[in-house]
């Protein structure tokens, strides 16, 4: 039997549900490596999960975009002093053995907003917002959906 390439159901990923716009508690489910910015800087794709939904964000590992990476690390409650003591720099985050250990499984608060081209902007929020969302009844994701 031939494959039905035109079947619209085949376009759906098993994780096709996206986290809706708003503030959420999410878990970092996975990090994908090997991406590069237009300027040639290494990037990682972080996949955030909440229940059966996901949202993704790219982080460029360059000094110009370092503040976005620091926002993510702080929101995920990563010990930045320990990173300094371990002599980890921005380029080290392109290594799965570093970023997977630092980030995968961490729970944090994010804000999901409409972005360009149908994509979503996912912004890590200050750790205080995590506590605020928990107090308001937001639940911590049990596990990642994949």
Foldseek 3Di string as FASTA:
>chain_A
DDDPPVPPVVVADQLNAADDFFKAKWFFADKAADDADPVGFTKIKTWTDAVSHIAIDIQGLDPVRVVQVVLVLQQLVFDVVVCVVVVHGSVNCNDCVPVVVRGHGGIGMWGWAQDPPRHIDIGTDHNVVVVVVVVVPHDHHPHGPD
